[in-house]
């Protein structure tokens, strides 16, 4: 029956274009070409026929087309999922990168503060050592002055004793 319908449709189309009605002939040719190309993309030529306004399919051609459509949908879904997952991964990567930058900044700040504390502590130790040296020098100077004064006092007593 499908073959007869195809033949009838083809005869009608040829008759219309031969009669010169002309109003649908160029479009019919374009429609046939588009329908044929569409069906031929997934089906062998013997699995379908192109009528004036329909594509006639053999017994298992519809399931083949539906399988092809499902495969295209699955492929498109996989591509969309891949893009979404890629964007999500990129977002997570950027968030991680931002977090890493914050951790690095905190670590640098901590190390800077630690170095500054060590420097300040070293400066305090130096100042304390200088203060201790100065106190020691002052103590030694006082002792020396005390010794000199004691020596002078001894020398004066000896001179007094010798003068007596």
C-alpha atoms as a PDB file:
ATOM      1  CA  UNK A   1       0.000   0.000   0.000  1.00  0.00           C
ATOM      2  CA  UNK A   2       2.803   2.390   0.819  1.00  0.00           C
ATOM      3  CA  UNK A   3       4.334   1.799  -2.604  1.00  0.00           C
ATOM      4  CA  UNK A   4       1.020   2.540  -4.311  1.00  0.00           C
ATOM      5  CA  UNK A   5       0.563   5.739  -2.254  1.00  0.00           C
ATOM      6  CA  UNK A   6       4.075   6.819  -3.186  1.00  0.00           C
ATOM      7  CA  UNK A   7       3.447   6.215  -6.825  1.00  0.00           C
ATOM      8  CA  UNK A   8       0.107   8.061  -6.693  1.00  0.00           C
ATOM      9  CA  UNK A   9       1.672  11.020  -4.915  1.00  0.00           C
ATOM     10  CA  UNK A  10       4.536  11.137  -7.391  1.00  0.00           C
ATOM     11  CA  UNK A  11       2.107  11.018 -10.329  1.00  0.00           C
ATOM     12  CA  UNK A  12       0.017  13.797  -8.794  1.00  0.00           C
ATOM     13  CA  UNK A  13       3.095  15.938  -8.260  1.00  0.00           C
ATOM     14  CA  UNK A  14       4.328  15.329 -11.791  1.00  0.00           C
ATOM     15  CA  UNK A  15       0.883  16.093 -13.143  1.00  0.00           C
ATOM     16  CA  UNK A  16       0.627  19.362 -11.231  1.00  0.00           C
ATOM     17  CA  UNK A  17       4.019  20.547 -12.323  1.00  0.00           C
ATOM     18  CA  UNK A  18       3.310  19.500 -15.944  1.00  0.00           C
ATOM     19  CA  UNK A  19      -0.078  21.184 -15.929  1.00  0.00           C
ATOM     20  CA  UNK A  20       1.692  24.388 -15.124  1.00  0.00           C
ATOM     21  CA  UNK A  21      -0.268  25.342 -12.014  1.00  0.00           C
ATOM     22  CA  UNK A  22       3.117  26.542 -10.803  1.00  0.00           C
ATOM     23  CA  UNK A  23       1.954  27.838  -7.473  1.00  0.00           C
ATOM     24  CA  UNK A  24       3.328  24.887  -5.413  1.00  0.00           C
ATOM     25  CA  UNK A  25       5.836  23.241  -7.722  1.00  0.00           C
ATOM     26  CA  UNK A  26       9.046  25.002  -6.553  1.00  0.00           C
ATOM     27  CA  UNK A  27       8.030  24.669  -2.935  1.00  0.00           C
ATOM     28  CA  UNK A  28       7.022  21.041  -3.396  1.00  0.00           C
ATOM     29  CA  UNK A  29      10.434  20.302  -4.828  1.00  0.00           C
ATOM     30  CA  UNK A  30      12.103  22.042  -1.887  1.00  0.00           C
ATOM     31  CA  UNK A  31       9.813  20.242   0.566  1.00  0.00           C
ATOM     32  CA  UNK A  32      10.563  16.906  -1.076  1.00  0.00           C
ATOM     33  CA  UNK A  33      14.265  17.617  -1.041  1.00  0.00           C
ATOM     34  CA  UNK A  34      14.193  18.635   2.624  1.00  0.00           C
ATOM     35  CA  UNK A  35      12.060  15.657   3.640  1.00  0.00           C
ATOM     36  CA  UNK A  36      14.222  13.339   1.611  1.00  0.00           C
ATOM     37  CA  UNK A  37      17.406  14.708   3.123  1.00  0.00           C
ATOM     38  CA  UNK A  38      15.923  14.500   6.610  1.00  0.00           C
ATOM     39  CA  UNK A  39      14.812  10.913   6.194  1.00  0.00           C
ATOM     40  CA  UNK A  40      17.956   9.919   4.309  1.00  0.00           C
ATOM     41  CA  UNK A  41      20.107  11.112   7.153  1.00  0.00           C
ATOM     42  CA  UNK A  42      18.844   8.276   9.348  1.00  0.00           C
ATOM     43  CA  UNK A  43      17.227   5.794   6.969  1.00  0.00           C
ATOM     44  CA  UNK A  44      18.263   3.960   3.849  1.00  0.00           C
ATOM     45  CA  UNK A  45      16.407   5.178   0.749  1.00  0.00           C
ATOM     46  CA  UNK A  46      14.342   1.992   0.467  1.00  0.00           C
ATOM     47  CA  UNK A  47      12.928   2.445   4.010  1.00  0.00           C
ATOM     48  CA  UNK A  48      10.834   5.520   3.089  1.00  0.00           C
ATOM     49  CA  UNK A  49       9.012   7.251   0.320  1.00  0.00           C
ATOM     50  CA  UNK A  50       8.348  10.956  -0.089  1.00  0.00           C
ATOM     51  CA  UNK A  51       4.842  12.022  -1.031  1.00  0.00           C
ATOM     52  CA  UNK A  52       3.492  15.480  -1.739  1.00  0.00           C
ATOM     53  CA  UNK A  53       2.850  16.332   1.894  1.00  0.00           C
ATOM     54  CA  UNK A  54       4.033  13.254   3.773  1.00  0.00           C
ATOM     55  CA  UNK A  55       6.939  10.913   4.191  1.00  0.00           C
ATOM     56  CA  UNK A  56       5.841   7.283   4.044  1.00  0.00           C
ATOM     57  CA  UNK A  57       7.802   4.882   6.224  1.00  0.00           C
ATOM     58  CA  UNK A  58       8.328   1.144   5.999  1.00  0.00           C
ATOM     59  CA  UNK A  59       7.508  -1.064   8.977  1.00  0.00           C
ATOM     60  CA  UNK A  60      10.557  -0.575  11.235  1.00  0.00           C
ATOM     61  CA  UNK A  61      11.607   2.853   9.902  1.00  0.00           C
ATOM     62  CA  UNK A  62       9.662   4.763  12.579  1.00  0.00           C
ATOM     63  CA  UNK A  63      11.435   2.937  15.393  1.00  0.00           C
ATOM     64  CA  UNK A  64      14.749   3.607  13.639  1.00  0.00           C
ATOM     65  CA  UNK A  65      13.923   7.310  13.417  1.00  0.00           C
ATOM     66  CA  UNK A  66      12.762   7.403  17.049  1.00  0.00           C
ATOM     67  CA  UNK A  67      15.980   5.663  18.090  1.00  0.00           C
ATOM     68  CA  UNK A  68      17.962   8.242  16.110  1.00  0.00           C
ATOM     69  CA  UNK A  69      16.006  11.068  17.742  1.00  0.00           C
ATOM     70  CA  UNK A  70      16.587   9.547  21.186  1.00  0.00           C
ATOM     71  CA  UNK A  71      20.292   9.201  20.394  1.00  0.00           C
ATOM     72  CA  UNK A  72      20.415  12.861  19.308  1.00  0.00           C
ATOM     73  CA  UNK A  73      18.545  13.893  22.473  1.00  0.00           C
ATOM     74  CA  UNK A  74      20.910  11.823  24.612  1.00  0.00           C
ATOM     75  CA  UNK A  75      23.894  13.324  22.840  1.00  0.00           C
ATOM     76  CA  UNK A  76      22.514  16.837  23.319  1.00  0.00           C
ATOM     77  CA  UNK A  77      21.718  16.087  26.975  1.00  0.00           C
ATOM     78  CA  UNK A  78      25.233  14.761  27.500  1.00  0.00           C
ATOM     79  CA  UNK A  79      26.690  17.877  25.877  1.00  0.00           C
ATOM     80  CA  UNK A  80      24.527  20.133  28.058  1.00  0.00           C
ATOM     81  CA  UNK A  81      25.416  18.152  31.174  1.00  0.00           C
ATOM     82  CA  UNK A  82      29.078  18.337  30.228  1.00  0.00           C
ATOM     83  CA  UNK A  83      28.875  22.102  29.827  1.00  0.00           C
ATOM     84  CA  UNK A  84      27.015  22.509  33.122  1.00  0.00           C
ATOM     85  CA  UNK A  85      29.483  20.251  34.945  1.00  0.00           C
ATOM     86  CA  UNK A  86      32.363  22.120  33.353  1.00  0.00           C
ATOM     87  CA  UNK A  87      30.975  25.460  34.509  1.00  0.00           C
ATOM     88  CA  UNK A  88      30.361  24.059  37.986  1.00  0.00           C
ATOM     89  CA  UNK A  89      33.923  22.727  38.104  1.00  0.00           C
ATOM     90  CA  UNK A  90      35.244  26.089  36.903  1.00  0.00           C
ATOM     91  CA  UNK A  91      33.203  27.854  39.591  1.00  0.00           C
ATOM     92  CA  UNK A  92      34.535  25.461  42.265  1.00  0.00           C
ATOM     93  CA  UNK A  93      38.076  25.960  40.929  1.00  0.00           C
ATOM     94  CA  UNK A  94      37.739  29.742  41.097  1.00  0.00           C
ATOM     95  CA  UNK A  95      36.293  29.510  44.626  1.00  0.00           C
ATOM     96  CA  UNK A  96      39.160  27.229  45.631  1.00  0.00           C
ATOM     97  CA  UNK A  97      41.661  29.594  44.042  1.00  0.00           C
ATOM     98  CA  UNK A  98      40.099  32.492  45.922  1.00  0.00           C
ATOM     99  CA  UNK A  99      40.245  30.477  49.158  1.00  0.00           C
ATOM    100  CA  UNK A 100      43.866  29.584  48.520  1.00  0.00           C
ATOM    101  CA  UNK A 101      44.670  33.251  47.949  1.00  0.00           C
ATOM    102  CA  UNK A 102      42.979  34.147  51.256  1.00  0.00           C
ATOM    103  CA  UNK A 103      44.892  31.399  53.094  1.00  0.00           C
ATOM    104  CA  UNK A 104      48.157  32.539  51.506  1.00  0.00           C
ATOM    105  CA  UNK A 105      47.462  36.146  52.492  1.00  0.00           C
ATOM    106  CA  UNK A 106      46.688  35.056  56.064  1.00  0.00           C
ATOM    107  CA  UNK A 107      49.868  32.955  56.175  1.00  0.00           C
ATOM    108  CA  UNK A 108      51.966  35.834  54.801  1.00  0.00           C
ATOM    109  CA  UNK A 109      50.423  38.176  57.375  1.00  0.00           C
ATOM    110  CA  UNK A 110      51.131  35.697  60.169  1.00  0.00           C
ATOM    111  CA  UNK A 111      54.741  35.241  59.043  1.00  0.00           C
ATOM    112  CA  UNK A 112      55.181  39.010  58.713  1.00  0.00           C
ATOM    113  CA  UNK A 113      53.839  39.599  62.226  1.00  0.00           C
ATOM    114  CA  UNK A 114      56.030  36.791  63.559  1.00  0.00           C
ATOM    115  CA  UNK A 115      59.130  38.275  61.873  1.00  0.00           C
ATOM    116  CA  UNK A 116      58.255  41.731  63.221  1.00  0.00           C
ATOM    117  CA  UNK A 117      57.896  40.299  66.750  1.00  0.00           C
ATOM    118  CA  UNK A 118      61.271  38.555  66.444  1.00  0.00           C
ATOM    119  CA  UNK A 119      62.848  41.769  65.187  1.00  0.00           C
ATOM    120  CA  UNK A 120      61.324  43.768  68.040  1.00  0.00           C
ATOM    121  CA  UNK A 121      62.469  41.167  70.548  1.00  0.00           C
ATOM    122  CA  UNK A 122      66.003  41.248  69.104  1.00  0.00           C
ATOM    123  CA  UNK A 123      65.967  45.062  69.305  1.00  0.00           C
ATOM    124  CA  UNK A 124      64.813  44.863  72.945  1.00  0.00           C
ATOM    125  CA  UNK A 125      67.608  42.390  73.727  1.00  0.00           C
ATOM    126  CA  UNK A 126      70.192  44.668  72.090  1.00  0.00           C
ATOM    127  CA  UNK A 127      68.889  47.672  74.011  1.00  0.00           C
ATOM    128  CA  UNK A 128      68.967  45.666  77.228  1.00  0.00           C
ATOM    129  CA  UNK A 129      72.543  44.499  76.525  1.00  0.00           C
ATOM    130  CA  UNK A 130      73.587  48.090  75.789  1.00  0.00           C
ATOM    131  CA  UNK A 131      71.920  49.274  78.995  1.00  0.00           C
ATOM    132  CA  UNK A 132      73.671  46.496  80.940  1.00  0.00           C
ATOM    133  CA  UNK A 133      77.037  47.417  79.341  1.00  0.00           C
ATOM    134  CA  UNK A 134      76.459  51.075  80.181  1.00  0.00           C
ATOM    135  CA  UNK A 135      75.556  50.198  83.777  1.00  0.00           C
ATOM    136  CA  UNK A 136      78.623  47.952  83.977  1.00  0.00           C
ATOM    137  CA  UNK A 137      80.816  50.759  82.601  1.00  0.00           C
ATOM    138  CA  UNK A 138      79.313  53.187  85.114  1.00  0.00           C
ATOM    139  CA  UNK A 139      79.920  50.683  87.931  1.00  0.00           C
ATOM    140  CA  UNK A 140      83.509  50.151  86.785  1.00  0.00           C
ATOM    141  CA  UNK A 141      84.025  53.938  86.541  1.00  0.00           C
ATOM    142  CA  UNK A 142      82.646  54.389  90.074  1.00  0.00           C
ATOM    143  CA  UNK A 143      84.878  51.587  91.346  1.00  0.00           C
ATOM    144  CA  UNK A 144      87.872  53.130  89.578  1.00  0.00           C
ATOM    145  CA  UNK A 145      87.015  56.557  90.977  1.00  0.00           C
ATOM    146  CA  UNK A 146      86.547  54.975  94.417  1.00  0.00           C
ATOM    147  CA  UNK A 147      89.915  53.214  94.091  1.00  0.00           C
ATOM    148  CA  UNK A 148      91.560  56.432  92.906  1.00  0.00           C
ATOM    149  CA  UNK A 149      89.937  58.303  95.771  1.00  0.00           C
ATOM    150  CA  UNK A 150      91.055  55.586  98.194  1.00  0.00           C
ATOM    151  CA  UNK A 151      94.544  55.680  96.662  1.00  0.00           C
ATOM    152  CA  UNK A 152      94.617  59.448  96.959  1.00  0.00           C
ATOM    153  CA  UNK A 153      93.391  59.208 100.537  1.00  0.00           C
ATOM    154  CA  UNK A 154      96.067  56.629 101.329  1.00  0.00           C
ATOM    155  CA  UNK A 155      98.696  58.778  99.660  1.00  0.00           C
ATOM    156  CA  UNK A 156      97.494  61.824 101.643  1.00  0.00           C
ATOM    157  CA  UNK A 157      97.624  59.847 104.943  1.00  0.00           C
ATOM    158  CA  UNK A 158     101.036  58.568 104.124  1.00  0.00           C
ATOM    159  CA  UNK A 159     102.141  62.073 103.341  1.00  0.00           C
ATOM    160  CA  UNK A 160     100.652  63.268 106.635  1.00  0.00           C
ATOM    161  CA  UNK A 161     102.301  60.436 108.492  1.00  0.00           C
ATOM    162  CA  UNK A 162     105.573  61.158 106.795  1.00  0.00           C
ATOM    163  CA  UNK A 163     105.186  64.831 107.593  1.00  0.00           C
ATOM    164  CA  UNK A 164     104.602  64.073 111.196  1.00  0.00           C
END
